[in-house]
């Protein structure tokens, strides 16, 4: 790899504000905000909207769409077409 063209890669804390969860990992992302981690060191912190803790796919709280109900409501609203 060429020196001087790659971003710095180091420890960063990602904080999911919705779930009040944070994890320490390595990344090229940077931030002006810092946080004191459990090990006593201070790391840059990046706030994220969704993580594996709050995303419905990973938590099992995903909504199941009522497609049959939607079809009936559509047919009731706009009428059902007959076979012509």
C-alpha atoms as a PDB file:
ATOM      1  CA  UNK A   1       0.000   0.000   0.000  1.00  0.00           C
ATOM      2  CA  UNK A   2       1.171   3.500  -0.739  1.00  0.00           C
ATOM      3  CA  UNK A   3       1.907   5.536   2.365  1.00  0.00           C
ATOM      4  CA  UNK A   4      -0.051   8.726   2.996  1.00  0.00           C
ATOM      5  CA  UNK A   5      -3.123   8.021   0.831  1.00  0.00           C
ATOM      6  CA  UNK A   6      -5.208   5.901   3.208  1.00  0.00           C
ATOM      7  CA  UNK A   7      -7.308   7.282   6.068  1.00  0.00           C
ATOM      8  CA  UNK A   8      -6.275   6.562   9.639  1.00  0.00           C
ATOM      9  CA  UNK A   9      -7.699   3.273  10.941  1.00  0.00           C
ATOM     10  CA  UNK A  10      -8.201   3.125  14.668  1.00  0.00           C
ATOM     11  CA  UNK A  11     -10.559   2.434  17.551  1.00  0.00           C
ATOM     12  CA  UNK A  12     -13.942   4.195  17.442  1.00  0.00           C
ATOM     13  CA  UNK A  13     -17.059   3.849  19.601  1.00  0.00           C
ATOM     14  CA  UNK A  14     -20.347   3.570  17.706  1.00  0.00           C
ATOM     15  CA  UNK A  15     -23.333   4.602  19.827  1.00  0.00           C
ATOM     16  CA  UNK A  16     -26.921   3.683  18.993  1.00  0.00           C
ATOM     17  CA  UNK A  17     -28.910   6.472  20.609  1.00  0.00           C
ATOM     18  CA  UNK A  18     -32.286   4.758  20.109  1.00  0.00           C
ATOM     19  CA  UNK A  19     -31.285   1.633  22.050  1.00  0.00           C
ATOM     20  CA  UNK A  20     -28.800   3.255  24.454  1.00  0.00           C
ATOM     21  CA  UNK A  21     -26.104   0.834  23.279  1.00  0.00           C
ATOM     22  CA  UNK A  22     -22.484   1.416  22.324  1.00  0.00           C
ATOM     23  CA  UNK A  23     -19.707  -0.806  21.036  1.00  0.00           C
ATOM     24  CA  UNK A  24     -16.015  -0.333  20.430  1.00  0.00           C
ATOM     25  CA  UNK A  25     -14.548  -1.345  17.107  1.00  0.00           C
ATOM     26  CA  UNK A  26     -11.971  -0.161  14.598  1.00  0.00           C
ATOM     27  CA  UNK A  27     -12.932   2.131  11.754  1.00  0.00           C
ATOM     28  CA  UNK A  28     -11.740   4.924   9.485  1.00  0.00           C
ATOM     29  CA  UNK A  29     -14.606   7.163  10.647  1.00  0.00           C
ATOM     30  CA  UNK A  30     -13.712  10.110  12.821  1.00  0.00           C
ATOM     31  CA  UNK A  31     -15.606  12.453  15.098  1.00  0.00           C
ATOM     32  CA  UNK A  32     -14.986  15.552  17.158  1.00  0.00           C
ATOM     33  CA  UNK A  33     -16.999  14.074  20.031  1.00  0.00           C
ATOM     34  CA  UNK A  34     -15.270  11.699  22.433  1.00  0.00           C
ATOM     35  CA  UNK A  35     -16.370   9.266  25.113  1.00  0.00           C
ATOM     36  CA  UNK A  36     -14.587   7.592  27.991  1.00  0.00           C
ATOM     37  CA  UNK A  37     -14.893   3.855  27.471  1.00  0.00           C
ATOM     38  CA  UNK A  38     -15.057   1.063  30.069  1.00  0.00           C
ATOM     39  CA  UNK A  39     -11.303   0.497  29.872  1.00  0.00           C
ATOM     40  CA  UNK A  40     -10.638   4.092  30.968  1.00  0.00           C
ATOM     41  CA  UNK A  41      -9.420   5.306  27.569  1.00  0.00           C
ATOM     42  CA  UNK A  42     -11.049   8.094  25.577  1.00  0.00           C
ATOM     43  CA  UNK A  43     -12.191   7.285  22.029  1.00  0.00           C
ATOM     44  CA  UNK A  44     -14.008   9.213  19.300  1.00  0.00           C
ATOM     45  CA  UNK A  45     -17.741   8.439  19.293  1.00  0.00           C
ATOM     46  CA  UNK A  46     -20.010   8.241  16.235  1.00  0.00           C
ATOM     47  CA  UNK A  47     -23.773   8.352  16.808  1.00  0.00           C
ATOM     48  CA  UNK A  48     -25.796   6.044  14.558  1.00  0.00           C
ATOM     49  CA  UNK A  49     -29.530   5.818  13.985  1.00  0.00           C
ATOM     50  CA  UNK A  50     -29.799   2.026  13.822  1.00  0.00           C
ATOM     51  CA  UNK A  51     -27.608  -0.862  14.931  1.00  0.00           C
ATOM     52  CA  UNK A  52     -28.100  -4.577  15.350  1.00  0.00           C
ATOM     53  CA  UNK A  53     -29.663  -3.874  18.749  1.00  0.00           C
ATOM     54  CA  UNK A  54     -32.465  -1.627  17.471  1.00  0.00           C
ATOM     55  CA  UNK A  55     -33.053  -2.814  13.884  1.00  0.00           C
ATOM     56  CA  UNK A  56     -36.343  -4.751  13.584  1.00  0.00           C
ATOM     57  CA  UNK A  57     -34.787  -7.470  11.409  1.00  0.00           C
ATOM     58  CA  UNK A  58     -32.252  -8.424  14.065  1.00  0.00           C
ATOM     59  CA  UNK A  59     -34.526  -7.953  17.078  1.00  0.00           C
ATOM     60  CA  UNK A  60     -37.375 -10.044  15.673  1.00  0.00           C
ATOM     61  CA  UNK A  61     -39.899  -7.244  16.006  1.00  0.00           C
ATOM     62  CA  UNK A  62     -40.365  -6.777  12.282  1.00  0.00           C
ATOM     63  CA  UNK A  63     -43.919  -6.005  11.245  1.00  0.00           C
ATOM     64  CA  UNK A  64     -45.696  -8.529   9.091  1.00  0.00           C
ATOM     65  CA  UNK A  65     -47.700  -6.794   6.406  1.00  0.00           C
ATOM     66  CA  UNK A  66     -51.328  -7.782   6.067  1.00  0.00           C
ATOM     67  CA  UNK A  67     -51.295  -8.146   2.302  1.00  0.00           C
ATOM     68  CA  UNK A  68     -54.637  -9.965   2.136  1.00  0.00           C
ATOM     69  CA  UNK A  69     -56.303  -7.130   4.032  1.00  0.00           C
ATOM     70  CA  UNK A  70     -54.668  -4.589   1.761  1.00  0.00           C
ATOM     71  CA  UNK A  71     -55.937  -6.345  -1.358  1.00  0.00           C
ATOM     72  CA  UNK A  72     -59.497  -6.504   0.014  1.00  0.00           C
ATOM     73  CA  UNK A  73     -59.392  -2.850   0.976  1.00  0.00           C
ATOM     74  CA  UNK A  74     -58.129  -1.949  -2.514  1.00  0.00           C
ATOM     75  CA  UNK A  75     -60.873  -3.992  -4.170  1.00  0.00           C
ATOM     76  CA  UNK A  76     -63.525  -2.443  -1.914  1.00  0.00           C
ATOM     77  CA  UNK A  77     -62.272   1.056  -2.641  1.00  0.00           C
ATOM     78  CA  UNK A  78     -61.759   0.770  -6.379  1.00  0.00           C
ATOM     79  CA  UNK A  79     -63.987  -2.157  -7.248  1.00  0.00           C
ATOM     80  CA  UNK A  80     -63.042  -5.560  -8.495  1.00  0.00           C
ATOM     81  CA  UNK A  81     -62.551  -6.075 -12.200  1.00  0.00           C
ATOM     82  CA  UNK A  82     -64.402  -9.021 -13.682  1.00  0.00           C
ATOM     83  CA  UNK A  83     -62.973 -11.344 -16.319  1.00  0.00           C
ATOM     84  CA  UNK A  84     -63.932  -9.791 -19.681  1.00  0.00           C
END
